[in-house]
Amino acid sequence: MKNIKTILAIATVLIISCKKNDDNPVPSVTGKDLQFMTKALPGNQAEIELGQLASQKAAAKGVAAFGNMMATEHSDALNDLKSINSNERLSLSTTSDAKHEQVKAQLSAVSGYTFDTLYIHGQVKDHMITQALYQSEIDSGKNTTVRNHAVKYLPHIKMHLAKADSLWKTLKP
Protein backbone atom coordinates (compact mmCIF):
# COMPACT_ATOMS: atom_id res chain seq x y z
CA MET A 1 0.00 0.00 0.00
CA LYS A 2 2.86 2.31 0.84
CA ASN A 3 4.41 1.70 -2.60
CA ILE A 4 1.15 2.55 -4.36
CA LYS A 5 0.89 5.84 -2.45
CA THR A 6 4.50 6.64 -3.33
CA ILE A 7 3.91 5.83 -7.01
CA LEU A 8 0.73 7.94 -7.05
CA ALA A 9 2.56 10.84 -5.41
CA ILE A 10 5.39 10.67 -7.96
CA ALA A 11 2.89 10.39 -10.84
CA THR A 12 1.00 13.43 -9.56
CA VAL A 13 4.20 15.47 -9.33
CA LEU A 14 5.17 14.44 -12.88
CA ILE A 15 1.74 15.33 -14.25
CA ILE A 16 1.78 18.72 -12.55
CA SER A 17 5.31 19.49 -13.76
CA CYS A 18 4.40 18.44 -17.31
CA LYS A 19 1.34 20.68 -17.18
CA LYS A 20 3.46 23.62 -16.02
CA ASN A 21 5.90 23.04 -18.88
CA ASP A 22 3.04 22.99 -21.40
CA ASP A 23 1.71 26.29 -20.07
CA ASN A 24 5.09 28.02 -20.21
CA PRO A 25 7.17 26.27 -22.85
CA VAL A 26 10.75 27.32 -23.35
CA PRO A 27 10.66 29.26 -26.62
CA SER A 28 12.68 27.68 -29.38
CA VAL A 29 12.60 30.85 -31.49
CA THR A 30 14.96 33.33 -29.88
CA GLY A 31 17.72 35.75 -30.82
CA LYS A 32 18.40 35.99 -34.55
CA ASP A 33 15.42 33.76 -35.41
CA LEU A 34 13.05 35.95 -33.41
CA GLN A 35 14.44 39.11 -35.05
CA PHE A 36 13.90 37.50 -38.44
CA MET A 37 10.29 36.56 -37.62
CA THR A 38 9.61 40.04 -36.23
CA LYS A 39 10.64 41.59 -39.57
CA ALA A 40 9.46 38.91 -42.00
CA LEU A 41 5.85 38.68 -40.80
CA PRO A 42 4.91 42.36 -41.29
CA GLY A 43 7.14 42.58 -44.37
CA ASN A 44 5.20 39.84 -46.13
CA GLN A 45 1.88 41.41 -45.12
CA ALA A 46 3.04 44.72 -46.58
CA GLU A 47 4.05 43.05 -49.85
CA ILE A 48 0.58 41.52 -50.13
CA GLU A 49 -1.17 44.84 -49.54
CA LEU A 50 1.13 46.80 -51.87
CA GLY A 51 0.89 44.07 -54.51
CA GLN A 52 -2.91 44.19 -54.39
CA LEU A 53 -2.78 47.96 -54.75
CA ALA A 54 -0.43 47.66 -57.73
CA SER A 55 -2.60 45.05 -59.42
CA GLN A 56 -5.49 47.55 -59.26
CA LYS A 57 -3.75 50.89 -59.88
CA ALA A 58 -0.75 50.22 -62.12
CA ALA A 59 -0.77 51.83 -65.55
CA ALA A 60 1.76 49.41 -67.06
CA LYS A 61 0.55 45.82 -67.52
CA GLY A 62 3.91 44.48 -66.36
CA VAL A 63 3.65 46.41 -63.10
CA ALA A 64 0.09 45.18 -62.51
CA ALA A 65 1.18 41.58 -63.19
CA PHE A 66 4.14 42.00 -60.87
CA GLY A 67 1.83 43.33 -58.13
CA ASN A 68 -0.47 40.36 -58.57
CA MET A 69 2.50 37.99 -58.32
CA MET A 70 3.67 39.76 -55.14
CA ALA A 71 0.25 39.39 -53.53
CA THR A 72 0.07 35.69 -54.40
CA GLU A 73 3.62 34.64 -53.55
CA HIS A 74 3.89 36.68 -50.36
CA SER A 75 0.54 35.23 -49.23
CA ASP A 76 2.13 31.77 -49.39
CA ALA A 77 5.18 32.96 -47.45
CA LEU A 78 3.02 34.78 -44.89
CA ASN A 79 0.88 31.70 -44.32
CA ASP A 80 4.02 29.66 -43.65
CA LEU A 81 5.28 32.30 -41.23
CA LYS A 82 1.91 32.47 -39.47
CA SER A 83 2.07 28.72 -39.01
CA ILE A 84 5.52 28.99 -37.44
CA ASN A 85 4.29 31.90 -35.30
CA SER A 86 1.38 29.81 -34.04
CA ASN A 87 3.23 26.52 -33.62
CA GLU A 88 6.00 28.21 -31.68
CA ARG A 89 3.46 30.20 -29.60
CA LEU A 90 5.12 33.49 -30.48
CA SER A 91 2.09 35.77 -30.96
CA LEU A 92 4.08 38.17 -33.16
CA SER A 93 2.32 40.88 -35.12
CA THR A 94 1.39 40.07 -38.68
CA THR A 95 0.20 43.55 -39.58
CA SER A 96 2.11 45.80 -41.92
CA ASP A 97 4.61 48.08 -40.18
CA ALA A 98 4.44 51.89 -40.02
CA LYS A 99 7.04 52.37 -42.78
CA HIS A 100 5.03 50.28 -45.24
CA GLU A 101 1.77 51.92 -44.20
CA GLN A 102 3.34 55.26 -45.11
CA VAL A 103 4.41 53.86 -48.50
CA LYS A 104 0.90 52.52 -49.05
CA ALA A 105 -0.57 55.96 -48.29
CA GLN A 106 1.85 57.62 -50.73
CA LEU A 107 1.05 55.12 -53.45
CA SER A 108 -2.68 55.49 -52.87
CA ALA A 109 -2.40 59.21 -53.55
CA VAL A 110 -0.76 58.87 -57.00
CA SER A 111 -1.57 57.15 -60.27
CA GLY A 112 -0.23 56.34 -63.71
CA TYR A 113 3.48 56.51 -64.41
CA THR A 114 4.16 58.08 -61.00
CA PHE A 115 2.52 55.15 -59.26
CA ASP A 116 4.37 52.61 -61.38
CA THR A 117 7.80 54.13 -60.82
CA LEU A 118 7.31 54.69 -57.07
CA TYR A 119 5.98 51.17 -56.58
CA ILE A 120 8.67 49.39 -58.58
CA HIS A 121 11.52 51.48 -57.17
CA GLY A 122 10.26 50.63 -53.69
CA GLN A 123 10.07 46.97 -54.62
CA VAL A 124 13.70 46.96 -55.72
CA LYS A 125 14.77 48.52 -52.42
CA ASP A 126 12.52 46.30 -50.28
CA HIS A 127 13.60 43.10 -51.97
CA MET A 128 17.27 43.99 -51.57
CA ILE A 129 16.67 44.41 -47.83
CA THR A 130 14.55 41.26 -47.67
CA GLN A 131 17.16 39.24 -49.55
CA ALA A 132 19.77 40.26 -46.97
CA LEU A 133 17.36 39.43 -44.11
CA TYR A 134 16.66 35.95 -45.45
CA GLN A 135 20.32 35.27 -46.22
CA SER A 136 21.27 36.33 -42.72
CA GLU A 137 18.71 33.92 -41.25
CA ILE A 138 20.11 31.10 -43.39
CA ASP A 139 23.66 31.92 -42.32
CA SER A 140 23.06 32.54 -38.61
CA GLY A 141 19.64 31.25 -37.57
CA LYS A 142 19.46 28.48 -34.98
CA ASN A 143 15.83 27.33 -35.28
CA THR A 144 15.55 24.70 -38.01
CA THR A 145 11.94 25.53 -38.91
CA VAL A 146 12.66 29.25 -39.30
CA ARG A 147 15.86 28.59 -41.26
CA ASN A 148 14.02 26.15 -43.54
CA HIS A 149 11.46 28.86 -44.27
CA ALA A 150 14.27 31.23 -45.27
CA VAL A 151 15.89 28.55 -47.46
CA LYS A 152 12.56 27.82 -49.16
CA TYR A 153 11.69 31.44 -49.94
CA LEU A 154 15.07 33.06 -50.68
CA PRO A 155 14.98 31.92 -54.34
CA HIS A 156 11.57 33.57 -54.71
CA ILE A 157 12.89 36.80 -53.20
CA LYS A 158 15.84 36.78 -55.59
CA MET A 159 13.46 36.25 -58.51
CA HIS A 160 11.23 39.09 -57.27
CA LEU A 161 14.24 41.38 -57.04
CA ALA A 162 15.41 40.49 -60.55
CA LYS A 163 11.90 41.05 -61.97
CA ALA A 164 11.46 44.36 -60.10
CA ASP A 165 14.89 45.53 -61.27
CA SER A 166 14.03 44.60 -64.85
CA LEU A 167 10.73 46.49 -64.64
CA TRP A 168 12.53 49.46 -63.07
CA LYS A 169 14.91 49.63 -66.02
CA THR A 170 12.01 49.75 -68.47
CA LEU A 171 10.20 52.46 -66.51
CA LYS A 172 12.90 54.93 -65.58
CA PRO A 173 13.49 57.75 -68.06
C-alpha atoms as a PDB file:
ATOM      1  CA  MET A   1       0.000   0.000   0.000  1.00  0.00           C
ATOM      2  CA  LYS A   2       2.862   2.311   0.845  1.00  0.00           C
ATOM      3  CA  ASN A   3       4.412   1.697  -2.603  1.00  0.00           C
ATOM      4  CA  ILE A   4       1.152   2.547  -4.358  1.00  0.00           C
ATOM      5  CA  LYS A   5       0.893   5.837  -2.447  1.00  0.00           C
ATOM      6  CA  THR A   6       4.498   6.642  -3.331  1.00  0.00           C
ATOM      7  CA  ILE A   7       3.907   5.833  -7.011  1.00  0.00           C
ATOM      8  CA  LEU A   8       0.726   7.944  -7.053  1.00  0.00           C
ATOM      9  CA  ALA A   9       2.560  10.837  -5.410  1.00  0.00           C
ATOM     10  CA  ILE A  10       5.389  10.670  -7.964  1.00  0.00           C
ATOM     11  CA  ALA A  11       2.894  10.392 -10.838  1.00  0.00           C
ATOM     12  CA  THR A  12       1.002  13.430  -9.558  1.00  0.00           C
ATOM     13  CA  VAL A  13       4.197  15.472  -9.327  1.00  0.00           C
ATOM     14  CA  LEU A  14       5.166  14.442 -12.875  1.00  0.00           C
ATOM     15  CA  ILE A  15       1.742  15.329 -14.252  1.00  0.00           C
ATOM     16  CA  ILE A  16       1.783  18.717 -12.553  1.00  0.00           C
ATOM     17  CA  SER A  17       5.307  19.493 -13.757  1.00  0.00           C
ATOM     18  CA  CYS A  18       4.405  18.444 -17.312  1.00  0.00           C
ATOM     19  CA  LYS A  19       1.342  20.681 -17.177  1.00  0.00           C
ATOM     20  CA  LYS A  20       3.462  23.618 -16.023  1.00  0.00           C
ATOM     21  CA  ASN A  21       5.899  23.039 -18.878  1.00  0.00           C
ATOM     22  CA  ASP A  22       3.036  22.989 -21.403  1.00  0.00           C
ATOM     23  CA  ASP A  23       1.708  26.286 -20.067  1.00  0.00           C
ATOM     24  CA  ASN A  24       5.089  28.021 -20.213  1.00  0.00           C
ATOM     25  CA  PRO A  25       7.173  26.270 -22.846  1.00  0.00           C
ATOM     26  CA  VAL A  26      10.752  27.319 -23.346  1.00  0.00           C
ATOM     27  CA  PRO A  27      10.660  29.262 -26.618  1.00  0.00           C
ATOM     28  CA  SER A  28      12.685  27.684 -29.384  1.00  0.00           C
ATOM     29  CA  VAL A  29      12.600  30.847 -31.491  1.00  0.00           C
ATOM     30  CA  THR A  30      14.964  33.328 -29.879  1.00  0.00           C
ATOM     31  CA  GLY A  31      17.724  35.749 -30.820  1.00  0.00           C
ATOM     32  CA  LYS A  32      18.398  35.990 -34.546  1.00  0.00           C
ATOM     33  CA  ASP A  33      15.424  33.764 -35.406  1.00  0.00           C
ATOM     34  CA  LEU A  34      13.048  35.952 -33.413  1.00  0.00           C
ATOM     35  CA  GLN A  35      14.444  39.112 -35.051  1.00  0.00           C
ATOM     36  CA  PHE A  36      13.897  37.500 -38.442  1.00  0.00           C
ATOM     37  CA  MET A  37      10.294  36.559 -37.624  1.00  0.00           C
ATOM     38  CA  THR A  38       9.606  40.040 -36.234  1.00  0.00           C
ATOM     39  CA  LYS A  39      10.640  41.591 -39.567  1.00  0.00           C
ATOM     40  CA  ALA A  40       9.460  38.907 -41.997  1.00  0.00           C
ATOM     41  CA  LEU A  41       5.851  38.678 -40.799  1.00  0.00           C
ATOM     42  CA  PRO A  42       4.907  42.356 -41.289  1.00  0.00           C
ATOM     43  CA  GLY A  43       7.137  42.576 -44.373  1.00  0.00           C
ATOM     44  CA  ASN A  44       5.201  39.839 -46.133  1.00  0.00           C
ATOM     45  CA  GLN A  45       1.882  41.406 -45.119  1.00  0.00           C
ATOM     46  CA  ALA A  46       3.038  44.721 -46.579  1.00  0.00           C
ATOM     47  CA  GLU A  47       4.050  43.051 -49.851  1.00  0.00           C
ATOM     48  CA  ILE A  48       0.578  41.516 -50.134  1.00  0.00           C
ATOM     49  CA  GLU A  49      -1.170  44.843 -49.541  1.00  0.00           C
ATOM     50  CA  LEU A  50       1.127  46.796 -51.869  1.00  0.00           C
ATOM     51  CA  GLY A  51       0.891  44.069 -54.509  1.00  0.00           C
ATOM     52  CA  GLN A  52      -2.910  44.189 -54.389  1.00  0.00           C
ATOM     53  CA  LEU A  53      -2.780  47.959 -54.753  1.00  0.00           C
ATOM     54  CA  ALA A  54      -0.427  47.657 -57.734  1.00  0.00           C
ATOM     55  CA  SER A  55      -2.602  45.047 -59.424  1.00  0.00           C
ATOM     56  CA  GLN A  56      -5.487  47.554 -59.263  1.00  0.00           C
ATOM     57  CA  LYS A  57      -3.746  50.893 -59.883  1.00  0.00           C
ATOM     58  CA  ALA A  58      -0.751  50.219 -62.125  1.00  0.00           C
ATOM     59  CA  ALA A  59      -0.768  51.827 -65.549  1.00  0.00           C
ATOM     60  CA  ALA A  60       1.756  49.406 -67.064  1.00  0.00           C
ATOM     61  CA  LYS A  61       0.546  45.821 -67.518  1.00  0.00           C
ATOM     62  CA  GLY A  62       3.906  44.477 -66.360  1.00  0.00           C
ATOM     63  CA  VAL A  63       3.654  46.405 -63.099  1.00  0.00           C
ATOM     64  CA  ALA A  64       0.094  45.178 -62.514  1.00  0.00           C
ATOM     65  CA  ALA A  65       1.178  41.582 -63.193  1.00  0.00           C
ATOM     66  CA  PHE A  66       4.135  42.005 -60.866  1.00  0.00           C
ATOM     67  CA  GLY A  67       1.826  43.326 -58.130  1.00  0.00           C
ATOM     68  CA  ASN A  68      -0.470  40.356 -58.573  1.00  0.00           C
ATOM     69  CA  MET A  69       2.497  37.993 -58.324  1.00  0.00           C
ATOM     70  CA  MET A  70       3.671  39.757 -55.139  1.00  0.00           C
ATOM     71  CA  ALA A  71       0.248  39.391 -53.528  1.00  0.00           C
ATOM     72  CA  THR A  72       0.069  35.691 -54.397  1.00  0.00           C
ATOM     73  CA  GLU A  73       3.616  34.639 -53.546  1.00  0.00           C
ATOM     74  CA  HIS A  74       3.889  36.678 -50.361  1.00  0.00           C
ATOM     75  CA  SER A  75       0.541  35.227 -49.226  1.00  0.00           C
ATOM     76  CA  ASP A  76       2.125  31.773 -49.389  1.00  0.00           C
ATOM     77  CA  ALA A  77       5.177  32.958 -47.448  1.00  0.00           C
ATOM     78  CA  LEU A  78       3.022  34.779 -44.887  1.00  0.00           C
ATOM     79  CA  ASN A  79       0.880  31.697 -44.318  1.00  0.00           C
ATOM     80  CA  ASP A  80       4.024  29.662 -43.653  1.00  0.00           C
ATOM     81  CA  LEU A  81       5.281  32.303 -41.225  1.00  0.00           C
ATOM     82  CA  LYS A  82       1.907  32.471 -39.470  1.00  0.00           C
ATOM     83  CA  SER A  83       2.070  28.720 -39.015  1.00  0.00           C
ATOM     84  CA  ILE A  84       5.519  28.991 -37.435  1.00  0.00           C
ATOM     85  CA  ASN A  85       4.286  31.904 -35.301  1.00  0.00           C
ATOM     86  CA  SER A  86       1.375  29.811 -34.043  1.00  0.00           C
ATOM     87  CA  ASN A  87       3.226  26.523 -33.624  1.00  0.00           C
ATOM     88  CA  GLU A  88       6.004  28.211 -31.675  1.00  0.00           C
ATOM     89  CA  ARG A  89       3.456  30.198 -29.600  1.00  0.00           C
ATOM     90  CA  LEU A  90       5.125  33.493 -30.481  1.00  0.00           C
ATOM     91  CA  SER A  91       2.093  35.775 -30.956  1.00  0.00           C
ATOM     92  CA  LEU A  92       4.080  38.165 -33.159  1.00  0.00           C
ATOM     93  CA  SER A  93       2.317  40.884 -35.117  1.00  0.00           C
ATOM     94  CA  THR A  94       1.386  40.066 -38.684  1.00  0.00           C
ATOM     95  CA  THR A  95       0.200  43.552 -39.584  1.00  0.00           C
ATOM     96  CA  SER A  96       2.109  45.805 -41.924  1.00  0.00           C
ATOM     97  CA  ASP A  97       4.607  48.084 -40.178  1.00  0.00           C
ATOM     98  CA  ALA A  98       4.443  51.888 -40.024  1.00  0.00           C
ATOM     99  CA  LYS A  99       7.036  52.368 -42.782  1.00  0.00           C
ATOM    100  CA  HIS A 100       5.035  50.284 -45.241  1.00  0.00           C
ATOM    101  CA  GLU A 101       1.772  51.916 -44.196  1.00  0.00           C
ATOM    102  CA  GLN A 102       3.336  55.259 -45.107  1.00  0.00           C
ATOM    103  CA  VAL A 103       4.413  53.864 -48.496  1.00  0.00           C
ATOM    104  CA  LYS A 104       0.901  52.522 -49.054  1.00  0.00           C
ATOM    105  CA  ALA A 105      -0.569  55.957 -48.293  1.00  0.00           C
ATOM    106  CA  GLN A 106       1.855  57.619 -50.728  1.00  0.00           C
ATOM    107  CA  LEU A 107       1.048  55.116 -53.453  1.00  0.00           C
ATOM    108  CA  SER A 108      -2.685  55.488 -52.869  1.00  0.00           C
ATOM    109  CA  ALA A 109      -2.397  59.212 -53.553  1.00  0.00           C
ATOM    110  CA  VAL A 110      -0.757  58.871 -56.997  1.00  0.00           C
ATOM    111  CA  SER A 111      -1.567  57.154 -60.267  1.00  0.00           C
ATOM    112  CA  GLY A 112      -0.229  56.344 -63.712  1.00  0.00           C
ATOM    113  CA  TYR A 113       3.483  56.513 -64.408  1.00  0.00           C
ATOM    114  CA  THR A 114       4.161  58.082 -61.005  1.00  0.00           C
ATOM    115  CA  PHE A 115       2.520  55.152 -59.257  1.00  0.00           C
ATOM    116  CA  ASP A 116       4.366  52.608 -61.384  1.00  0.00           C
ATOM    117  CA  THR A 117       7.797  54.130 -60.817  1.00  0.00           C
ATOM    118  CA  LEU A 118       7.312  54.689 -57.074  1.00  0.00           C
ATOM    119  CA  TYR A 119       5.980  51.171 -56.577  1.00  0.00           C
ATOM    120  CA  ILE A 120       8.674  49.392 -58.584  1.00  0.00           C
ATOM    121  CA  HIS A 121      11.525  51.478 -57.175  1.00  0.00           C
ATOM    122  CA  GLY A 122      10.255  50.633 -53.686  1.00  0.00           C
ATOM    123  CA  GLN A 123      10.074  46.966 -54.618  1.00  0.00           C
ATOM    124  CA  VAL A 124      13.703  46.957 -55.718  1.00  0.00           C
ATOM    125  CA  LYS A 125      14.774  48.523 -52.417  1.00  0.00           C
ATOM    126  CA  ASP A 126      12.524  46.305 -50.276  1.00  0.00           C
ATOM    127  CA  HIS A 127      13.604  43.099 -51.968  1.00  0.00           C
ATOM    128  CA  MET A 128      17.272  43.986 -51.567  1.00  0.00           C
ATOM    129  CA  ILE A 129      16.673  44.410 -47.832  1.00  0.00           C
ATOM    130  CA  THR A 130      14.547  41.256 -47.670  1.00  0.00           C
ATOM    131  CA  GLN A 131      17.159  39.240 -49.545  1.00  0.00           C
ATOM    132  CA  ALA A 132      19.771  40.264 -46.974  1.00  0.00           C
ATOM    133  CA  LEU A 133      17.362  39.425 -44.110  1.00  0.00           C
ATOM    134  CA  TYR A 134      16.657  35.947 -45.446  1.00  0.00           C
ATOM    135  CA  GLN A 135      20.318  35.268 -46.218  1.00  0.00           C
ATOM    136  CA  SER A 136      21.275  36.331 -42.718  1.00  0.00           C
ATOM    137  CA  GLU A 137      18.714  33.923 -41.253  1.00  0.00           C
ATOM    138  CA  ILE A 138      20.107  31.103 -43.388  1.00  0.00           C
ATOM    139  CA  ASP A 139      23.663  31.925 -42.317  1.00  0.00           C
ATOM    140  CA  SER A 140      23.062  32.543 -38.611  1.00  0.00           C
ATOM    141  CA  GLY A 141      19.644  31.246 -37.568  1.00  0.00           C
ATOM    142  CA  LYS A 142      19.459  28.476 -34.980  1.00  0.00           C
ATOM    143  CA  ASN A 143      15.834  27.326 -35.278  1.00  0.00           C
ATOM    144  CA  THR A 144      15.545  24.699 -38.009  1.00  0.00           C
ATOM    145  CA  THR A 145      11.945  25.533 -38.906  1.00  0.00           C
ATOM    146  CA  VAL A 146      12.659  29.250 -39.300  1.00  0.00           C
ATOM    147  CA  ARG A 147      15.856  28.592 -41.263  1.00  0.00           C
ATOM    148  CA  ASN A 148      14.019  26.150 -43.544  1.00  0.00           C
ATOM    149  CA  HIS A 149      11.461  28.860 -44.269  1.00  0.00           C
ATOM    150  CA  ALA A 150      14.272  31.227 -45.273  1.00  0.00           C
ATOM    151  CA  VAL A 151      15.887  28.552 -47.462  1.00  0.00           C
ATOM    152  CA  LYS A 152      12.555  27.819 -49.161  1.00  0.00           C
ATOM    153  CA  TYR A 153      11.686  31.441 -49.942  1.00  0.00           C
ATOM    154  CA  LEU A 154      15.065  33.056 -50.675  1.00  0.00           C
ATOM    155  CA  PRO A 155      14.985  31.916 -54.341  1.00  0.00           C
ATOM    156  CA  HIS A 156      11.565  33.574 -54.708  1.00  0.00           C
ATOM    157  CA  ILE A 157      12.890  36.800 -53.202  1.00  0.00           C
ATOM    158  CA  LYS A 158      15.836  36.779 -55.591  1.00  0.00           C
ATOM    159  CA  MET A 159      13.465  36.248 -58.508  1.00  0.00           C
ATOM    160  CA  HIS A 160      11.228  39.088 -57.273  1.00  0.00           C
ATOM    161  CA  LEU A 161      14.244  41.377 -57.036  1.00  0.00           C
ATOM    162  CA  ALA A 162      15.408  40.487 -60.549  1.00  0.00           C
ATOM    163  CA  LYS A 163      11.904  41.053 -61.966  1.00  0.00           C
ATOM    164  CA  ALA A 164      11.465  44.355 -60.102  1.00  0.00           C
ATOM    165  CA  ASP A 165      14.890  45.533 -61.270  1.00  0.00           C
ATOM    166  CA  SER A 166      14.032  44.595 -64.854  1.00  0.00           C
ATOM    167  CA  LEU A 167      10.731  46.490 -64.643  1.00  0.00           C
ATOM    168  CA  TRP A 168      12.528  49.462 -63.069  1.00  0.00           C
ATOM    169  CA  LYS A 169      14.912  49.630 -66.019  1.00  0.00           C
ATOM    170  CA  THR A 170      12.008  49.748 -68.472  1.00  0.00           C
ATOM    171  CA  LEU A 171      10.200  52.458 -66.506  1.00  0.00           C
ATOM    172  CA  LYS A 172      12.900  54.930 -65.580  1.00  0.00           C
ATOM    173  CA  PRO A 173      13.485  57.750 -68.064  1.00  0.00           C
END
